[in-house]
């Protein structure tokens, strides 16, 4: 996974807002996943295919975070989503 990697959601996960948390449900494994502000925003951004660099740049505009930390956290979060088969990479 690098900054040019293109990311989008898998077709099947369902998501819903519950209070301040986004809950993602995978019918493939029957698991629920919860995430808050930044994770919700990333999930929103990958509704359409986008690059990791584009995600990072958008988050840098919207959140008070330095570039290195943002990049590291985006890759870590996307890696977790990939491990759970919730996203597609190309």
PDB file of N, CA and C in Angstrom:
ATOM      1  N   UNK A   1       0.860  -1.170   0.000  1.00  0.00           N
ATOM      2  CA  UNK A   1       0.000   0.000   0.000  1.00  0.00           C
ATOM      3  C   UNK A   1       0.908   1.235   0.000  1.00  0.00           C
ATOM      4  N   UNK A   2       0.681   2.127  -0.982  1.00  0.00           N
ATOM      5  CA  UNK A   2       1.440   3.375  -1.041  1.00  0.00           C
ATOM      6  C   UNK A   2       0.489   4.528  -1.359  1.00  0.00           C
ATOM      7  N   UNK A   3       1.021   5.730  -1.463  1.00  0.00           N
ATOM      8  CA  UNK A   3       0.167   6.910  -1.635  1.00  0.00           C
ATOM      9  C   UNK A   3      -0.614   6.912  -2.945  1.00  0.00           C
ATOM     10  N   UNK A   4      -0.137   6.168  -3.943  1.00  0.00           N
ATOM     11  CA  UNK A   4      -0.843   6.093  -5.224  1.00  0.00           C
ATOM     12  C   UNK A   4      -1.870   4.968  -5.276  1.00  0.00           C
ATOM     13  N   UNK A   5      -1.910   4.146  -4.241  1.00  0.00           N
ATOM     14  CA  UNK A   5      -2.881   3.056  -4.198  1.00  0.00           C
ATOM     15  C   UNK A   5      -4.288   3.627  -4.214  1.00  0.00           C
ATOM     16  N   UNK A   6      -5.138   3.044  -5.060  1.00  0.00           N
ATOM     17  CA  UNK A   6      -6.530   3.479  -5.172  1.00  0.00           C
ATOM     18  C   UNK A   6      -7.376   2.615  -4.237  1.00  0.00           C
ATOM     19  N   UNK A   7      -8.294   3.262  -3.537  1.00  0.00           N
ATOM     20  CA  UNK A   7      -9.088   2.600  -2.500  1.00  0.00           C
ATOM     21  C   UNK A   7     -10.565   2.877  -2.732  1.00  0.00           C
ATOM     22  N   UNK A   8     -11.381   1.862  -2.527  1.00  0.00           N
ATOM     23  CA  UNK A   8     -12.829   2.034  -2.504  1.00  0.00           C
ATOM     24  C   UNK A   8     -13.421   0.970  -1.584  1.00  0.00           C
ATOM     25  N   UNK A   9     -14.654   1.190  -1.174  1.00  0.00           N
ATOM     26  CA  UNK A   9     -15.332   0.216  -0.308  1.00  0.00           C
ATOM     27  C   UNK A   9     -15.663  -1.051  -1.097  1.00  0.00           C
ATOM     28  N   UNK A  10     -15.702  -2.174  -0.383  1.00  0.00           N
ATOM     29  CA  UNK A  10     -16.290  -3.379  -0.964  1.00  0.00           C
ATOM     30  C   UNK A  10     -17.773  -3.103  -1.171  1.00  0.00           C
ATOM     31  N   UNK A  11     -18.426  -3.884  -1.994  1.00  0.00           N
ATOM     32  CA  UNK A  11     -19.832  -3.645  -2.306  1.00  0.00           C
ATOM     33  C   UNK A  11     -20.779  -3.956  -1.148  1.00  0.00           C
ATOM     34  N   UNK A  12     -20.427  -4.913  -0.321  1.00  0.00           N
ATOM     35  CA  UNK A  12     -21.411  -5.395   0.638  1.00  0.00           C
ATOM     36  C   UNK A  12     -21.446  -4.764   2.024  1.00  0.00           C
ATOM     37  N   UNK A  13     -20.414  -4.166   2.555  1.00  0.00           N
ATOM     38  CA  UNK A  13     -20.563  -3.656   3.925  1.00  0.00           C
ATOM     39  C   UNK A  13     -21.652  -2.581   4.022  1.00  0.00           C
ATOM     40  N   UNK A  14     -22.446  -2.681   5.057  1.00  0.00           N
ATOM     41  CA  UNK A  14     -23.471  -1.686   5.347  1.00  0.00           C
ATOM     42  C   UNK A  14     -22.949  -0.784   6.454  1.00  0.00           C
ATOM     43  N   UNK A  15     -23.332   0.476   6.421  1.00  0.00           N
ATOM     44  CA  UNK A  15     -22.888   1.376   7.482  1.00  0.00           C
ATOM     45  C   UNK A  15     -24.040   2.259   7.926  1.00  0.00           C
ATOM     46  N   UNK A  16     -23.983   2.658   9.196  1.00  0.00           N
ATOM     47  CA  UNK A  16     -25.034   3.496   9.759  1.00  0.00           C
ATOM     48  C   UNK A  16     -24.455   4.364  10.870  1.00  0.00           C
ATOM     49  N   UNK A  17     -24.980   5.557  10.979  1.00  0.00           N
ATOM     50  CA  UNK A  17     -24.588   6.481  12.040  1.00  0.00           C
ATOM     51  C   UNK A  17     -25.351   6.126  13.315  1.00  0.00           C
ATOM     52  N   UNK A  18     -24.641   5.936  14.424  1.00  0.00           N
ATOM     53  CA  UNK A  18     -25.246   5.681  15.726  1.00  0.00           C
ATOM     54  C   UNK A  18     -24.604   6.661  16.703  1.00  0.00           C
ATOM     55  N   UNK A  19     -25.373   7.678  17.101  1.00  0.00           N
ATOM     56  CA  UNK A  19     -24.841   8.771  17.918  1.00  0.00           C
ATOM     57  C   UNK A  19     -23.642   9.389  17.198  1.00  0.00           C
ATOM     58  N   UNK A  20     -22.470   9.419  17.854  1.00  0.00           N
ATOM     59  CA  UNK A  20     -21.275  10.011  17.241  1.00  0.00           C
ATOM     60  C   UNK A  20     -20.405   8.984  16.531  1.00  0.00           C
ATOM     61  N   UNK A  21     -20.888   7.768  16.425  1.00  0.00           N
ATOM     62  CA  UNK A  21     -20.081   6.687  15.882  1.00  0.00           C
ATOM     63  C   UNK A  21     -20.666   6.172  14.573  1.00  0.00           C
ATOM     64  N   UNK A  22     -19.790   5.772  13.658  1.00  0.00           N
ATOM     65  CA  UNK A  22     -20.204   5.086  12.447  1.00  0.00           C
ATOM     66  C   UNK A  22     -20.041   3.600  12.706  1.00  0.00           C
ATOM     67  N   UNK A  23     -21.092   2.835  12.449  1.00  0.00           N
ATOM     68  CA  UNK A  23     -21.036   1.390  12.612  1.00  0.00           C
ATOM     69  C   UNK A  23     -21.077   0.765  11.228  1.00  0.00           C
ATOM     70  N   UNK A  24     -20.104  -0.095  10.956  1.00  0.00           N
ATOM     71  CA  UNK A  24     -20.006  -0.790   9.676  1.00  0.00           C
ATOM     72  C   UNK A  24     -20.276  -2.262   9.948  1.00  0.00           C
ATOM     73  N   UNK A  25     -21.174  -2.857   9.163  1.00  0.00           N
ATOM     74  CA  UNK A  25     -21.512  -4.270   9.319  1.00  0.00           C
ATOM     75  C   UNK A  25     -21.083  -5.032   8.078  1.00  0.00           C
ATOM     76  N   UNK A  26     -20.358  -6.114   8.287  1.00  0.00           N
ATOM     77  CA  UNK A  26     -19.958  -6.996   7.193  1.00  0.00           C
ATOM     78  C   UNK A  26     -20.780  -8.270   7.262  1.00  0.00           C
ATOM     79  N   UNK A  27     -21.609  -8.491   6.248  1.00  0.00           N
ATOM     80  CA  UNK A  27     -22.400  -9.723   6.227  1.00  0.00           C
ATOM     81  C   UNK A  27     -21.528 -10.929   5.884  1.00  0.00           C
ATOM     82  N   UNK A  28     -20.348 -10.698   5.321  1.00  0.00           N
ATOM     83  CA  UNK A  28     -19.434 -11.802   4.996  1.00  0.00           C
ATOM     84  C   UNK A  28     -18.975 -12.527   6.248  1.00  0.00           C
ATOM     85  N   UNK A  29     -18.662 -11.755   7.295  1.00  0.00           N
ATOM     86  CA  UNK A  29     -18.162 -12.387   8.513  1.00  0.00           C
ATOM     87  C   UNK A  29     -19.055 -12.139   9.728  1.00  0.00           C
ATOM     88  N   UNK A  30     -20.153 -11.407   9.543  1.00  0.00           N
ATOM     89  CA  UNK A  30     -21.089 -11.164  10.631  1.00  0.00           C
ATOM     90  C   UNK A  30     -20.576 -10.222  11.704  1.00  0.00           C
ATOM     91  N   UNK A  31     -19.547  -9.458  11.389  1.00  0.00           N
ATOM     92  CA  UNK A  31     -18.927  -8.581  12.380  1.00  0.00           C
ATOM     93  C   UNK A  31     -19.379  -7.137  12.208  1.00  0.00           C
ATOM     94  N   UNK A  32     -19.418  -6.423  13.340  1.00  0.00           N
ATOM     95  CA  UNK A  32     -19.674  -4.986  13.366  1.00  0.00           C
ATOM     96  C   UNK A  32     -18.370  -4.275  13.702  1.00  0.00           C
ATOM     97  N   UNK A  33     -18.154  -3.132  13.085  1.00  0.00           N
ATOM     98  CA  UNK A  33     -16.961  -2.324  13.340  1.00  0.00           C
ATOM     99  C   UNK A  33     -17.418  -0.906  13.629  1.00  0.00           C
ATOM    100  N   UNK A  34     -16.836  -0.283  14.636  1.00  0.00           N
ATOM    101  CA  UNK A  34     -17.203   1.084  14.984  1.00  0.00           C
ATOM    102  C   UNK A  34     -16.033   2.024  14.796  1.00  0.00           C
ATOM    103  N   UNK A  35     -16.336   3.231  14.349  1.00  0.00           N
ATOM    104  CA  UNK A  35     -15.296   4.241  14.176  1.00  0.00           C
ATOM    105  C   UNK A  35     -15.895   5.620  14.394  1.00  0.00           C
ATOM    106  N   UNK A  36     -15.041   6.574  14.728  1.00  0.00           N
ATOM    107  CA  UNK A  36     -15.535   7.922  15.002  1.00  0.00           C
ATOM    108  C   UNK A  36     -15.032   8.910  13.959  1.00  0.00           C
ATOM    109  N   UNK A  37     -14.844  10.151  14.307  1.00  0.00           N
ATOM    110  CA  UNK A  37     -14.678  11.290  13.386  1.00  0.00           C
ATOM    111  C   UNK A  37     -13.805  11.022  12.161  1.00  0.00           C
ATOM    112  N   UNK A  38     -12.533  10.732  12.362  1.00  0.00           N
ATOM    113  CA  UNK A  38     -11.636  10.586  11.216  1.00  0.00           C
ATOM    114  C   UNK A  38     -11.977   9.327  10.429  1.00  0.00           C
ATOM    115  N   UNK A  39     -12.245   8.244  11.120  1.00  0.00           N
ATOM    116  CA  UNK A  39     -12.636   7.011  10.437  1.00  0.00           C
ATOM    117  C   UNK A  39     -13.915   7.181   9.639  1.00  0.00           C
ATOM    118  N   UNK A  40     -14.876   7.920  10.205  1.00  0.00           N
ATOM    119  CA  UNK A  40     -16.120   8.205   9.472  1.00  0.00           C
ATOM    120  C   UNK A  40     -15.819   8.976   8.203  1.00  0.00           C
ATOM    121  N   UNK A  41     -14.919   9.945   8.304  1.00  0.00           N
ATOM    122  CA  UNK A  41     -14.596  10.769   7.134  1.00  0.00           C
ATOM    123  C   UNK A  41     -13.887   9.944   6.060  1.00  0.00           C
ATOM    124  N   UNK A  42     -12.966   9.085   6.471  1.00  0.00           N
ATOM    125  CA  UNK A  42     -12.292   8.214   5.506  1.00  0.00           C
ATOM    126  C   UNK A  42     -13.316   7.314   4.825  1.00  0.00           C
ATOM    127  N   UNK A  43     -14.233   6.731   5.597  1.00  0.00           N
ATOM    128  CA  UNK A  43     -15.257   5.854   5.031  1.00  0.00           C
ATOM    129  C   UNK A  43     -16.093   6.619   4.002  1.00  0.00           C
ATOM    130  N   UNK A  44     -16.399   7.849   4.313  1.00  0.00           N
ATOM    131  CA  UNK A  44     -17.146   8.692   3.378  1.00  0.00           C
ATOM    132  C   UNK A  44     -16.340   8.941   2.100  1.00  0.00           C
ATOM    133  N   UNK A  45     -15.069   9.237   2.247  1.00  0.00           N
ATOM    134  CA  UNK A  45     -14.216   9.542   1.094  1.00  0.00           C
ATOM    135  C   UNK A  45     -14.022   8.348   0.168  1.00  0.00           C
ATOM    136  N   UNK A  46     -14.049   7.136   0.716  1.00  0.00           N
ATOM    137  CA  UNK A  46     -13.817   5.960  -0.129  1.00  0.00           C
ATOM    138  C   UNK A  46     -15.110   5.379  -0.691  1.00  0.00           C
ATOM    139  N   UNK A  47     -16.194   6.114  -0.559  1.00  0.00           N
ATOM    140  CA  UNK A  47     -17.426   5.697  -1.234  1.00  0.00           C
ATOM    141  C   UNK A  47     -17.170   5.648  -2.743  1.00  0.00           C
ATOM    142  N   UNK A  48     -16.368   6.585  -3.224  1.00  0.00           N
ATOM    143  CA  UNK A  48     -15.892   6.599  -4.610  1.00  0.00           C
ATOM    144  C   UNK A  48     -14.396   6.274  -4.580  1.00  0.00           C
ATOM    145  N   UNK A  49     -13.905   5.616  -5.616  1.00  0.00           N
ATOM    146  CA  UNK A  49     -12.484   5.273  -5.660  1.00  0.00           C
ATOM    147  C   UNK A  49     -11.621   6.531  -5.561  1.00  0.00           C
ATOM    148  N   UNK A  50     -10.625   6.482  -4.707  1.00  0.00           N
ATOM    149  CA  UNK A  50      -9.722   7.614  -4.488  1.00  0.00           C
ATOM    150  C   UNK A  50      -8.358   7.084  -4.076  1.00  0.00           C
ATOM    151  N   UNK A  51      -7.339   7.896  -4.180  1.00  0.00           N
ATOM    152  CA  UNK A  51      -6.005   7.452  -3.762  1.00  0.00           C
ATOM    153  C   UNK A  51      -5.779   7.766  -2.284  1.00  0.00           C
ATOM    154  N   UNK A  52      -4.822   7.075  -1.719  1.00  0.00           N
ATOM    155  CA  UNK A  52      -4.462   7.335  -0.330  1.00  0.00           C
ATOM    156  C   UNK A  52      -3.952   8.767  -0.184  1.00  0.00           C
ATOM    157  N   UNK A  53      -3.214   9.255  -1.168  1.00  0.00           N
ATOM    158  CA  UNK A  53      -2.728  10.645  -1.127  1.00  0.00           C
ATOM    159  C   UNK A  53      -3.889  11.630  -1.108  1.00  0.00           C
ATOM    160  N   UNK A  54      -4.930  11.363  -1.886  1.00  0.00           N
ATOM    161  CA  UNK A  54      -6.096  12.253  -1.906  1.00  0.00           C
ATOM    162  C   UNK A  54      -6.823  12.237  -0.565  1.00  0.00           C
ATOM    163  N   UNK A  55      -6.918  11.067   0.051  1.00  0.00           N
ATOM    164  CA  UNK A  55      -7.533  10.964   1.378  1.00  0.00           C
ATOM    165  C   UNK A  55      -6.721  11.785   2.375  1.00  0.00           C
ATOM    166  N   UNK A  56      -5.410  11.567   2.374  1.00  0.00           N
ATOM    167  CA  UNK A  56      -4.524  12.309   3.280  1.00  0.00           C
ATOM    168  C   UNK A  56      -4.671  13.814   3.096  1.00  0.00           C
ATOM    169  N   UNK A  57      -4.657  14.259   1.852  1.00  0.00           N
ATOM    170  CA  UNK A  57      -4.743  15.698   1.582  1.00  0.00           C
ATOM    171  C   UNK A  57      -6.060  16.289   2.062  1.00  0.00           C
ATOM    172  N   UNK A  58      -7.141  15.568   1.869  1.00  0.00           N
ATOM    173  CA  UNK A  58      -8.451  16.054   2.321  1.00  0.00           C
ATOM    174  C   UNK A  58      -8.489  16.148   3.840  1.00  0.00           C
ATOM    175  N   UNK A  59      -7.959  15.131   4.524  1.00  0.00           N
ATOM    176  CA  UNK A  59      -7.949  15.147   5.990  1.00  0.00           C
ATOM    177  C   UNK A  59      -7.065  16.268   6.532  1.00  0.00           C
ATOM    178  N   UNK A  60      -5.964  16.550   5.850  1.00  0.00           N
ATOM    179  CA  UNK A  60      -5.099  17.653   6.275  1.00  0.00           C
ATOM    180  C   UNK A  60      -5.831  18.985   6.210  1.00  0.00           C
ATOM    181  N   UNK A  61      -6.742  19.128   5.252  1.00  0.00           N
ATOM    182  CA  UNK A  61      -7.543  20.349   5.135  1.00  0.00           C
ATOM    183  C   UNK A  61      -8.594  20.450   6.240  1.00  0.00           C
ATOM    184  N   UNK A  62      -9.100  19.304   6.682  1.00  0.00           N
ATOM    185  CA  UNK A  62     -10.260  19.280   7.574  1.00  0.00           C
ATOM    186  C   UNK A  62      -9.929  19.084   9.049  1.00  0.00           C
ATOM    187  N   UNK A  63      -8.771  18.518   9.364  1.00  0.00           N
ATOM    188  CA  UNK A  63      -8.414  18.207  10.746  1.00  0.00           C
ATOM    189  C   UNK A  63      -7.075  18.848  11.098  1.00  0.00           C
ATOM    190  N   UNK A  64      -6.883  19.117  12.367  1.00  0.00           N
ATOM    191  CA  UNK A  64      -5.638  19.699  12.863  1.00  0.00           C
ATOM    192  C   UNK A  64      -4.654  18.568  13.148  1.00  0.00           C
ATOM    193  N   UNK A  65      -3.902  18.189  12.114  1.00  0.00           N
ATOM    194  CA  UNK A  65      -2.952  17.081  12.228  1.00  0.00           C
ATOM    195  C   UNK A  65      -1.785  17.358  11.282  1.00  0.00           C
ATOM    196  N   UNK A  66      -0.583  16.899  11.673  1.00  0.00           N
ATOM    197  CA  UNK A  66       0.562  17.090  10.780  1.00  0.00           C
ATOM    198  C   UNK A  66       0.560  16.005   9.699  1.00  0.00           C
ATOM    199  N   UNK A  67       1.241  16.290   8.608  1.00  0.00           N
ATOM    200  CA  UNK A  67       1.237  15.436   7.414  1.00  0.00           C
ATOM    201  C   UNK A  67       1.701  14.010   7.718  1.00  0.00           C
ATOM    202  N   UNK A  68       2.810  13.865   8.428  1.00  0.00           N
ATOM    203  CA  UNK A  68       3.369  12.543   8.714  1.00  0.00           C
ATOM    204  C   UNK A  68       2.406  11.696   9.549  1.00  0.00           C
ATOM    205  N   UNK A  69       1.858  12.289  10.598  1.00  0.00           N
ATOM    206  CA  UNK A  69       0.909  11.569  11.452  1.00  0.00           C
ATOM    207  C   UNK A  69      -0.333  11.189  10.663  1.00  0.00           C
ATOM    208  N   UNK A  70      -0.840  12.109   9.880  1.00  0.00           N
ATOM    209  CA  UNK A  70      -2.037  11.857   9.083  1.00  0.00           C
ATOM    210  C   UNK A  70      -1.811  10.686   8.130  1.00  0.00           C
ATOM    211  N   UNK A  71      -0.708  10.722   7.424  1.00  0.00           N
ATOM    212  CA  UNK A  71      -0.394   9.666   6.463  1.00  0.00           C
ATOM    213  C   UNK A  71      -0.299   8.310   7.158  1.00  0.00           C
ATOM    214  N   UNK A  72       0.409   8.267   8.266  1.00  0.00           N
ATOM    215  CA  UNK A  72       0.583   7.019   9.012  1.00  0.00           C
ATOM    216  C   UNK A  72      -0.762   6.482   9.494  1.00  0.00           C
ATOM    217  N   UNK A  73      -1.597   7.362  10.044  1.00  0.00           N
ATOM    218  CA  UNK A  73      -2.892   6.937  10.573  1.00  0.00           C
ATOM    219  C   UNK A  73      -3.848   6.489   9.461  1.00  0.00           C
ATOM    220  N   UNK A  74      -3.812   7.164   8.321  1.00  0.00           N
ATOM    221  CA  UNK A  74      -4.655   6.763   7.189  1.00  0.00           C
ATOM    222  C   UNK A  74      -4.264   5.365   6.725  1.00  0.00           C
ATOM    223  N   UNK A  75      -2.975   5.129   6.545  1.00  0.00           N
ATOM    224  CA  UNK A  75      -2.508   3.818   6.088  1.00  0.00           C
ATOM    225  C   UNK A  75      -2.851   2.740   7.112  1.00  0.00           C
ATOM    226  N   UNK A  76      -2.679   3.033   8.387  1.00  0.00           N
ATOM    227  CA  UNK A  76      -3.015   2.065   9.437  1.00  0.00           C
ATOM    228  C   UNK A  76      -4.498   1.725   9.411  1.00  0.00           C
ATOM    229  N   UNK A  77      -5.352   2.743   9.312  1.00  0.00           N
ATOM    230  CA  UNK A  77      -6.796   2.519   9.284  1.00  0.00           C
ATOM    231  C   UNK A  77      -7.194   1.713   8.048  1.00  0.00           C
ATOM    232  N   UNK A  78      -6.663   2.085   6.893  1.00  0.00           N
ATOM    233  CA  UNK A  78      -6.994   1.362   5.661  1.00  0.00           C
ATOM    234  C   UNK A  78      -6.482  -0.072   5.710  1.00  0.00           C
ATOM    235  N   UNK A  79      -5.328  -0.283   6.329  1.00  0.00           N
ATOM    236  CA  UNK A  79      -4.802  -1.637   6.487  1.00  0.00           C
ATOM    237  C   UNK A  79      -5.753  -2.487   7.324  1.00  0.00           C
ATOM    238  N   UNK A  80      -6.313  -1.906   8.381  1.00  0.00           N
ATOM    239  CA  UNK A  80      -7.281  -2.632   9.207  1.00  0.00           C
ATOM    240  C   UNK A  80      -8.533  -2.968   8.403  1.00  0.00           C
ATOM    241  N   UNK A  81      -9.009  -2.004   7.610  1.00  0.00           N
ATOM    242  CA  UNK A  81     -10.185  -2.263   6.773  1.00  0.00           C
ATOM    243  C   UNK A  81      -9.897  -3.352   5.748  1.00  0.00           C
ATOM    244  N   UNK A  82      -8.689  -3.347   5.194  1.00  0.00           N
ATOM    245  CA  UNK A  82      -8.319  -4.363   4.212  1.00  0.00           C
ATOM    246  C   UNK A  82      -8.257  -5.743   4.864  1.00  0.00           C
ATOM    247  N   UNK A  83      -7.698  -5.822   6.061  1.00  0.00           N
ATOM    248  CA  UNK A  83      -7.616  -7.101   6.763  1.00  0.00           C
ATOM    249  C   UNK A  83      -9.000  -7.685   7.012  1.00  0.00           C
ATOM    250  N   UNK A  84      -9.994  -6.823   7.189  1.00  0.00           N
ATOM    251  CA  UNK A  84     -11.366  -7.276   7.419  1.00  0.00           C
ATOM    252  C   UNK A  84     -12.157  -7.388   6.114  1.00  0.00           C
ATOM    253  N   UNK A  85     -11.478  -7.205   4.982  1.00  0.00           N
ATOM    254  CA  UNK A  85     -12.082  -7.318   3.646  1.00  0.00           C
ATOM    255  C   UNK A  85     -13.240  -6.340   3.447  1.00  0.00           C
ATOM    256  N   UNK A  86     -13.077  -5.120   3.975  1.00  0.00           N
ATOM    257  CA  UNK A  86     -14.106  -4.092   3.835  1.00  0.00           C
ATOM    258  C   UNK A  86     -13.816  -3.122   2.692  1.00  0.00           C
ATOM    259  N   UNK A  87     -12.580  -3.177   2.150  1.00  0.00           N
ATOM    260  CA  UNK A  87     -12.206  -2.267   1.063  1.00  0.00           C
ATOM    261  C   UNK A  87     -11.536  -3.045  -0.066  1.00  0.00           C
ATOM    262  N   UNK A  88     -11.470  -2.384  -1.230  1.00  0.00           N
ATOM    263  CA  UNK A  88     -10.751  -2.912  -2.392  1.00  0.00           C
ATOM    264  C   UNK A  88      -9.602  -1.960  -2.698  1.00  0.00           C
ATOM    265  N   UNK A  89      -8.440  -2.521  -3.011  1.00  0.00           N
ATOM    266  CA  UNK A  89      -7.265  -1.730  -3.377  1.00  0.00           C
ATOM    267  C   UNK A  89      -6.881  -2.035  -4.818  1.00  0.00           C
ATOM    268  N   UNK A  90      -6.400  -1.017  -5.509  1.00  0.00           N
ATOM    269  CA  UNK A  90      -5.904  -1.250  -6.877  1.00  0.00           C
ATOM    270  C   UNK A  90      -4.754  -0.312  -7.170  1.00  0.00           C
TER     271      UNK A  90
END
